[in-house]
Amino acid sequence: DDLITREQAAVIIARAANLETATDELNFTDSKAISSWAKNGMATAFKGGFISGYPDNSFKPQGNTTRAEAAVIIGKLLK
């Protein structure tokens, strides 16, 4: 019943979609807040188009994934 952070969601979707690992540097205003274990997964999910940042160029990696965000991510996975 725990909430899932945006960085956790990115890592899960990158693994579930079996995407090729990306090591690109993410240029969000809060990129330094991304946990070290999540960097490649986030870069992979971002490069794959599964997850994106916010209009203010932040990512909020420690923020909780909303239902709407999760629905969009799952919808993209099922395509």
PDB file of N, CA and C in Angstrom:
ATOM      1  N   ASP A   1       0.805  -1.191   0.000  1.00  0.00           N
ATOM      2  CA  ASP A   1       0.000   0.000   0.000  1.00  0.00           C
ATOM      3  C   ASP A   1       0.852   1.261   0.000  1.00  0.00           C
ATOM      4  N   ASP A   2       2.163   1.124  -0.059  1.00  0.00           N
ATOM      5  CA  ASP A   2       3.034   2.290  -0.071  1.00  0.00           C
ATOM      6  C   ASP A   2       2.942   3.027  -1.399  1.00  0.00           C
ATOM      7  N   LEU A   3       3.215   4.303  -1.353  1.00  0.00           N
ATOM      8  CA  LEU A   3       3.272   5.110  -2.564  1.00  0.00           C
ATOM      9  C   LEU A   3       4.585   4.812  -3.282  1.00  0.00           C
ATOM     10  N   ILE A   4       4.640   5.119  -4.559  1.00  0.00           N
ATOM     11  CA  ILE A   4       5.837   4.879  -5.349  1.00  0.00           C
ATOM     12  C   ILE A   4       6.354   6.219  -5.875  1.00  0.00           C
ATOM     13  N   THR A   5       7.654   6.428  -5.771  1.00  0.00           N
ATOM     14  CA  THR A   5       8.225   7.685  -6.242  1.00  0.00           C
ATOM     15  C   THR A   5       8.363   7.655  -7.762  1.00  0.00           C
ATOM     16  N   ARG A   6       8.581   8.825  -8.325  1.00  0.00           N
ATOM     17  CA  ARG A   6       8.739   8.922  -9.773  1.00  0.00           C
ATOM     18  C   ARG A   6      10.004   8.199 -10.235  1.00  0.00           C
ATOM     19  N   GLU A   7      11.061   8.239  -9.442  1.00  0.00           N
ATOM     20  CA  GLU A   7      12.270   7.535  -9.847  1.00  0.00           C
ATOM     21  C   GLU A   7      12.070   6.019  -9.762  1.00  0.00           C
ATOM     22  N   GLN A   8      11.319   5.549  -8.768  1.00  0.00           N
ATOM     23  CA  GLN A   8      11.021   4.121  -8.679  1.00  0.00           C
ATOM     24  C   GLN A   8      10.182   3.684  -9.881  1.00  0.00           C
ATOM     25  N   ALA A   9       9.190   4.486 -10.249  1.00  0.00           N
ATOM     26  CA  ALA A   9       8.341   4.164 -11.397  1.00  0.00           C
ATOM     27  C   ALA A   9       9.167   4.096 -12.676  1.00  0.00           C
ATOM     28  N   ALA A  10      10.109   5.020 -12.833  1.00  0.00           N
ATOM     29  CA  ALA A  10      10.950   5.037 -14.032  1.00  0.00           C
ATOM     30  C   ALA A  10      11.801   3.770 -14.128  1.00  0.00           C
ATOM     31  N   VAL A  11      12.381   3.367 -13.014  1.00  0.00           N
ATOM     32  CA  VAL A  11      13.215   2.154 -13.007  1.00  0.00           C
ATOM     33  C   VAL A  11      12.364   0.922 -13.304  1.00  0.00           C
ATOM     34  N   ILE A  12      11.196   0.835 -12.694  1.00  0.00           N
ATOM     35  CA  ILE A  12      10.309  -0.310 -12.924  1.00  0.00           C
ATOM     36  C   ILE A  12       9.894  -0.396 -14.383  1.00  0.00           C
ATOM     37  N   ILE A  13       9.507   0.718 -14.974  1.00  0.00           N
ATOM     38  CA  ILE A  13       9.038   0.693 -16.359  1.00  0.00           C
ATOM     39  C   ILE A  13      10.184   0.384 -17.315  1.00  0.00           C
ATOM     40  N   ALA A  14      11.372   0.879 -17.027  1.00  0.00           N
ATOM     41  CA  ALA A  14      12.533   0.576 -17.886  1.00  0.00           C
ATOM     42  C   ALA A  14      12.817  -0.926 -17.884  1.00  0.00           C
ATOM     43  N   ARG A  15      12.686  -1.536 -16.723  1.00  0.00           N
ATOM     44  CA  ARG A  15      12.914  -2.987 -16.612  1.00  0.00           C
ATOM     45  C   ARG A  15      11.766  -3.775 -17.245  1.00  0.00           C
ATOM     46  N   ALA A  16      10.533  -3.350 -16.984  1.00  0.00           N
ATOM     47  CA  ALA A  16       9.363  -4.066 -17.509  1.00  0.00           C
ATOM     48  C   ALA A  16       9.306  -4.010 -19.033  1.00  0.00           C
ATOM     49  N   ALA A  17       9.721  -2.896 -19.602  1.00  0.00           N
ATOM     50  CA  ALA A  17       9.700  -2.746 -21.059  1.00  0.00           C
ATOM     51  C   ALA A  17      10.929  -3.369 -21.705  1.00  0.00           C
ATOM     52  N   ASN A  18      11.863  -3.827 -20.870  1.00  0.00           N
ATOM     53  CA  ASN A  18      13.093  -4.458 -21.357  1.00  0.00           C
ATOM     54  C   ASN A  18      13.829  -3.533 -22.337  1.00  0.00           C
ATOM     55  N   LEU A  19      13.945  -2.269 -21.950  1.00  0.00           N
ATOM     56  CA  LEU A  19      14.590  -1.273 -22.793  1.00  0.00           C
ATOM     57  C   LEU A  19      16.106  -1.375 -22.690  1.00  0.00           C
ATOM     58  N   GLU A  20      16.771  -0.969 -23.757  1.00  0.00           N
ATOM     59  CA  GLU A  20      18.228  -0.916 -23.733  1.00  0.00           C
ATOM     60  C   GLU A  20      18.642   0.196 -22.772  1.00  0.00           C
ATOM     61  N   THR A  21      19.558  -0.101 -21.880  1.00  0.00           N
ATOM     62  CA  THR A  21      19.959   0.850 -20.848  1.00  0.00           C
ATOM     63  C   THR A  21      20.597   2.090 -21.451  1.00  0.00           C
ATOM     64  N   ALA A  22      20.100   3.243 -21.028  1.00  0.00           N
ATOM     65  CA  ALA A  22      20.663   4.529 -21.437  1.00  0.00           C
ATOM     66  C   ALA A  22      21.497   5.081 -20.291  1.00  0.00           C
ATOM     67  N   THR A  23      22.548   5.755 -20.625  1.00  0.00           N
ATOM     68  CA  THR A  23      23.399   6.366 -19.600  1.00  0.00           C
ATOM     69  C   THR A  23      23.469   7.877 -19.794  1.00  0.00           C
ATOM     70  N   ASP A  24      22.556   8.419 -20.585  1.00  0.00           N
ATOM     71  CA  ASP A  24      22.543   9.849 -20.866  1.00  0.00           C
ATOM     72  C   ASP A  24      22.381  10.641 -19.569  1.00  0.00           C
ATOM     73  N   GLU A  25      22.989  11.796 -19.536  1.00  0.00           N
ATOM     74  CA  GLU A  25      22.828  12.706 -18.397  1.00  0.00           C
ATOM     75  C   GLU A  25      21.488  13.415 -18.532  1.00  0.00           C
ATOM     76  N   LEU A  26      20.698  13.422 -17.481  1.00  0.00           N
ATOM     77  CA  LEU A  26      19.411  14.111 -17.493  1.00  0.00           C
ATOM     78  C   LEU A  26      19.613  15.557 -17.060  1.00  0.00           C
ATOM     79  N   ASN A  27      19.046  16.472 -17.810  1.00  0.00           N
ATOM     80  CA  ASN A  27      19.262  17.901 -17.549  1.00  0.00           C
ATOM     81  C   ASN A  27      18.044  18.575 -16.940  1.00  0.00           C
ATOM     82  N   PHE A  28      17.517  18.007 -15.895  1.00  0.00           N
ATOM     83  CA  PHE A  28      16.414  18.631 -15.175  1.00  0.00           C
ATOM     84  C   PHE A  28      17.004  19.527 -14.086  1.00  0.00           C
ATOM     85  N   THR A  29      16.243  20.508 -13.661  1.00  0.00           N
ATOM     86  CA  THR A  29      16.741  21.431 -12.640  1.00  0.00           C
ATOM     87  C   THR A  29      17.031  20.720 -11.321  1.00  0.00           C
ATOM     88  N   ASP A  30      16.393  19.580 -11.105  1.00  0.00           N
ATOM     89  CA  ASP A  30      16.600  18.833  -9.863  1.00  0.00           C
ATOM     90  C   ASP A  30      17.259  17.471 -10.101  1.00  0.00           C
ATOM     91  N   SER A  31      18.056  17.374 -11.148  1.00  0.00           N
ATOM     92  CA  SER A  31      18.727  16.106 -11.478  1.00  0.00           C
ATOM     93  C   SER A  31      19.613  15.589 -10.346  1.00  0.00           C
ATOM     94  N   LYS A  32      20.151  16.489  -9.537  1.00  0.00           N
ATOM     95  CA  LYS A  32      21.021  16.070  -8.430  1.00  0.00           C
ATOM     96  C   LYS A  32      20.245  15.328  -7.347  1.00  0.00           C
ATOM     97  N   ALA A  33      18.929  15.443  -7.370  1.00  0.00           N
ATOM     98  CA  ALA A  33      18.089  14.756  -6.377  1.00  0.00           C
ATOM     99  C   ALA A  33      17.801  13.311  -6.766  1.00  0.00           C
ATOM    100  N   ILE A  34      18.207  12.911  -7.967  1.00  0.00           N
ATOM    101  CA  ILE A  34      17.983  11.540  -8.416  1.00  0.00           C
ATOM    102  C   ILE A  34      18.941  10.607  -7.674  1.00  0.00           C
ATOM    103  N   SER A  35      18.409   9.569  -7.082  1.00  0.00           N
ATOM    104  CA  SER A  35      19.241   8.591  -6.372  1.00  0.00           C
ATOM    105  C   SER A  35      20.186   7.914  -7.352  1.00  0.00           C
ATOM    106  N   SER A  36      21.376   7.586  -6.889  1.00  0.00           N
ATOM    107  CA  SER A  36      22.383   6.989  -7.775  1.00  0.00           C
ATOM    108  C   SER A  36      21.895   5.684  -8.400  1.00  0.00           C
ATOM    109  N   TRP A  37      21.142   4.891  -7.642  1.00  0.00           N
ATOM    110  CA  TRP A  37      20.659   3.609  -8.160  1.00  0.00           C
ATOM    111  C   TRP A  37      19.598   3.783  -9.245  1.00  0.00           C
ATOM    112  N   ALA A  38      19.007   4.966  -9.343  1.00  0.00           N
ATOM    113  CA  ALA A  38      17.907   5.192 -10.283  1.00  0.00           C
ATOM    114  C   ALA A  38      18.324   5.939 -11.546  1.00  0.00           C
ATOM    115  N   LYS A  39      19.535   6.466 -11.606  1.00  0.00           N
ATOM    116  CA  LYS A  39      19.942   7.320 -12.731  1.00  0.00           C
ATOM    117  C   LYS A  39      19.795   6.635 -14.081  1.00  0.00           C
ATOM    118  N   ASN A  40      20.341   5.441 -14.239  1.00  0.00           N
ATOM    119  CA  ASN A  40      20.245   4.767 -15.542  1.00  0.00           C
ATOM    120  C   ASN A  40      18.812   4.400 -15.893  1.00  0.00           C
ATOM    121  N   GLY A  41      18.054   3.941 -14.921  1.00  0.00           N
ATOM    122  CA  GLY A  41      16.656   3.595 -15.157  1.00  0.00           C
ATOM    123  C   GLY A  41      15.839   4.800 -15.558  1.00  0.00           C
ATOM    124  N   MET A  42      16.110   5.931 -14.920  1.00  0.00           N
ATOM    125  CA  MET A  42      15.394   7.153 -15.278  1.00  0.00           C
ATOM    126  C   MET A  42      15.778   7.617 -16.671  1.00  0.00           C
ATOM    127  N   ALA A  43      17.063   7.581 -16.985  1.00  0.00           N
ATOM    128  CA  ALA A  43      17.513   7.979 -18.317  1.00  0.00           C
ATOM    129  C   ALA A  43      16.907   7.063 -19.378  1.00  0.00           C
ATOM    130  N   THR A  44      16.808   5.790 -19.071  1.00  0.00           N
ATOM    131  CA  THR A  44      16.250   4.813 -20.004  1.00  0.00           C
ATOM    132  C   THR A  44      14.761   5.060 -20.231  1.00  0.00           C
ATOM    133  N   ALA A  45      14.007   5.244 -19.161  1.00  0.00           N
ATOM    134  CA  ALA A  45      12.568   5.494 -19.286  1.00  0.00           C
ATOM    135  C   ALA A  45      12.299   6.824 -19.980  1.00  0.00           C
ATOM    136  N   PHE A  46      13.125   7.829 -19.696  1.00  0.00           N
ATOM    137  CA  PHE A  46      12.969   9.131 -20.336  1.00  0.00           C
ATOM    138  C   PHE A  46      13.270   9.035 -21.833  1.00  0.00           C
ATOM    139  N   LYS A  47      14.378   8.403 -22.166  1.00  0.00           N
ATOM    140  CA  LYS A  47      14.764   8.243 -23.573  1.00  0.00           C
ATOM    141  C   LYS A  47      13.725   7.418 -24.329  1.00  0.00           C
ATOM    142  N   GLY A  48      13.122   6.448 -23.660  1.00  0.00           N
ATOM    143  CA  GLY A  48      12.104   5.604 -24.280  1.00  0.00           C
ATOM    144  C   GLY A  48      10.751   6.280 -24.405  1.00  0.00           C
ATOM    145  N   GLY A  49      10.613   7.480 -23.836  1.00  0.00           N
ATOM    146  CA  GLY A  49       9.370   8.229 -23.945  1.00  0.00           C
ATOM    147  C   GLY A  49       8.292   7.806 -22.968  1.00  0.00           C
ATOM    148  N   PHE A  50       8.666   7.040 -21.950  1.00  0.00           N
ATOM    149  CA  PHE A  50       7.685   6.558 -20.973  1.00  0.00           C
ATOM    150  C   PHE A  50       7.398   7.568 -19.876  1.00  0.00           C
ATOM    151  N   ILE A  51       8.347   8.418 -19.599  1.00  0.00           N
ATOM    152  CA  ILE A  51       8.201   9.372 -18.511  1.00  0.00           C
ATOM    153  C   ILE A  51       8.879  10.672 -18.933  1.00  0.00           C
ATOM    154  N   SER A  52       8.353  11.773 -18.443  1.00  0.00           N
ATOM    155  CA  SER A  52       8.923  13.071 -18.807  1.00  0.00           C
ATOM    156  C   SER A  52       8.962  13.982 -17.588  1.00  0.00           C
ATOM    157  N   GLY A  53       9.538  15.147 -17.786  1.00  0.00           N
ATOM    158  CA  GLY A  53       9.622  16.126 -16.714  1.00  0.00           C
ATOM    159  C   GLY A  53       8.399  17.028 -16.707  1.00  0.00           C
ATOM    160  N   TYR A  54       8.456  17.992 -15.844  1.00  0.00           N
ATOM    161  CA  TYR A  54       7.381  18.963 -15.697  1.00  0.00           C
ATOM    162  C   TYR A  54       7.699  20.212 -16.522  1.00  0.00           C
ATOM    163  N   PRO A  55       6.697  21.052 -16.785  1.00  0.00           N
ATOM    164  CA  PRO A  55       6.921  22.263 -17.596  1.00  0.00           C
ATOM    165  C   PRO A  55       8.004  23.197 -17.044  1.00  0.00           C
ATOM    166  N   ASP A  56       8.264  23.155 -15.741  1.00  0.00           N
ATOM    167  CA  ASP A  56       9.301  24.024 -15.169  1.00  0.00           C
ATOM    168  C   ASP A  56      10.695  23.406 -15.258  1.00  0.00           C
ATOM    169  N   ASN A  57      10.841  22.339 -16.052  1.00  0.00           N
ATOM    170  CA  ASN A  57      12.088  21.615 -16.290  1.00  0.00           C
ATOM    171  C   ASN A  57      12.592  20.882 -15.044  1.00  0.00           C
ATOM    172  N   SER A  58      11.679  20.527 -14.158  1.00  0.00           N
ATOM    173  CA  SER A  58      12.035  19.689 -13.016  1.00  0.00           C
ATOM    174  C   SER A  58      11.516  18.278 -13.279  1.00  0.00           C
ATOM    175  N   PHE A  59      11.987  17.341 -12.490  1.00  0.00           N
ATOM    176  CA  PHE A  59      11.521  15.966 -12.622  1.00  0.00           C
ATOM    177  C   PHE A  59      10.838  15.478 -11.351  1.00  0.00           C
ATOM    178  N   LYS A  60      11.223  16.024 -10.235  1.00  0.00           N
ATOM    179  CA  LYS A  60      10.689  15.636  -8.927  1.00  0.00           C
ATOM    180  C   LYS A  60      10.836  14.131  -8.691  1.00  0.00           C
ATOM    181  N   PRO A  61      12.085  13.630  -8.746  1.00  0.00           N
ATOM    182  CA  PRO A  61      12.319  12.190  -8.623  1.00  0.00           C
ATOM    183  C   PRO A  61      11.853  11.593  -7.307  1.00  0.00           C
ATOM    184  N   GLN A  62      11.868  12.383  -6.240  1.00  0.00           N
ATOM    185  CA  GLN A  62      11.437  11.890  -4.938  1.00  0.00           C
ATOM    186  C   GLN A  62       9.944  12.090  -4.707  1.00  0.00           C
ATOM    187  N   GLY A  63       9.277  12.760  -5.664  1.00  0.00           N
ATOM    188  CA  GLY A  63       7.841  12.976  -5.551  1.00  0.00           C
ATOM    189  C   GLY A  63       7.079  11.700  -5.856  1.00  0.00           C
ATOM    190  N   ASN A  64       5.887  11.597  -5.342  1.00  0.00           N
ATOM    191  CA  ASN A  64       5.081  10.403  -5.585  1.00  0.00           C
ATOM    192  C   ASN A  64       4.471  10.431  -6.984  1.00  0.00           C
ATOM    193  N   THR A  65       4.384   9.265  -7.589  1.00  0.00           N
ATOM    194  CA  THR A  65       3.739   9.123  -8.887  1.00  0.00           C
ATOM    195  C   THR A  65       2.233   9.211  -8.679  1.00  0.00           C
ATOM    196  N   THR A  66       1.589  10.064  -9.458  1.00  0.00           N
ATOM    197  CA  THR A  66       0.133  10.190  -9.339  1.00  0.00           C
ATOM    198  C   THR A  66      -0.549   9.063 -10.108  1.00  0.00           C
ATOM    199  N   ARG A  67      -1.808   8.879  -9.861  1.00  0.00           N
ATOM    200  CA  ARG A  67      -2.575   7.871 -10.613  1.00  0.00           C
ATOM    201  C   ARG A  67      -2.559   8.194 -12.096  1.00  0.00           C
ATOM    202  N   ALA A  68      -2.710   9.461 -12.424  1.00  0.00           N
ATOM    203  CA  ALA A  68      -2.718   9.869 -13.834  1.00  0.00           C
ATOM    204  C   ALA A  68      -1.377   9.558 -14.489  1.00  0.00           C
ATOM    205  N   GLU A  69      -0.280   9.851 -13.807  1.00  0.00           N
ATOM    206  CA  GLU A  69       1.040   9.553 -14.355  1.00  0.00           C
ATOM    207  C   GLU A  69       1.215   8.051 -14.546  1.00  0.00           C
ATOM    208  N   ALA A  70       0.797   7.267 -13.563  1.00  0.00           N
ATOM    209  CA  ALA A  70       0.914   5.815 -13.652  1.00  0.00           C
ATOM    210  C   ALA A  70       0.071   5.285 -14.820  1.00  0.00           C
ATOM    211  N   ALA A  71      -1.106   5.827 -15.007  1.00  0.00           N
ATOM    212  CA  ALA A  71      -1.974   5.392 -16.111  1.00  0.00           C
ATOM    213  C   ALA A  71      -1.319   5.667 -17.459  1.00  0.00           C
ATOM    214  N   VAL A  72      -0.712   6.833 -17.603  1.00  0.00           N
ATOM    215  CA  VAL A  72      -0.034   7.171 -18.861  1.00  0.00           C
ATOM    216  C   VAL A  72       1.145   6.238 -19.108  1.00  0.00           C
ATOM    217  N   ILE A  73       1.935   6.002 -18.081  1.00  0.00           N
ATOM    218  CA  ILE A  73       3.092   5.112 -18.212  1.00  0.00           C
ATOM    219  C   ILE A  73       2.660   3.701 -18.597  1.00  0.00           C
ATOM    220  N   ILE A  74       1.654   3.173 -17.932  1.00  0.00           N
ATOM    221  CA  ILE A  74       1.170   1.823 -18.232  1.00  0.00           C
ATOM    222  C   ILE A  74       0.565   1.768 -19.633  1.00  0.00           C
ATOM    223  N   GLY A  75      -0.163   2.807 -20.001  1.00  0.00           N
ATOM    224  CA  GLY A  75      -0.734   2.866 -21.356  1.00  0.00           C
ATOM    225  C   GLY A  75       0.338   2.818 -22.421  1.00  0.00           C
ATOM    226  N   LYS A  76       1.442   3.539 -22.202  1.00  0.00           N
ATOM    227  CA  LYS A  76       2.537   3.523 -23.170  1.00  0.00           C
ATOM    228  C   LYS A  76       3.201   2.150 -23.215  1.00  0.00           C
ATOM    229  N   LEU A  77       3.288   1.491 -22.083  1.00  0.00           N
ATOM    230  CA  LEU A  77       3.889   0.158 -22.028  1.00  0.00           C
ATOM    231  C   LEU A  77       3.057  -0.851 -22.807  1.00  0.00           C
ATOM    232  N   LEU A  78       1.744  -0.708 -22.748  1.00  0.00           N
ATOM    233  CA  LEU A  78       0.848  -1.667 -23.402  1.00  0.00           C
ATOM    234  C   LEU A  78       0.709  -1.466 -24.900  1.00  0.00           C
ATOM    235  N   LYS A  79       1.211  -0.359 -25.423  1.00  0.00           N
ATOM    236  CA  LYS A  79       1.127  -0.097 -26.870  1.00  0.00           C
ATOM    237  C   LYS A  79       2.003  -1.014 -27.656  1.00  0.00           C
TER     238      LYS A  79
END
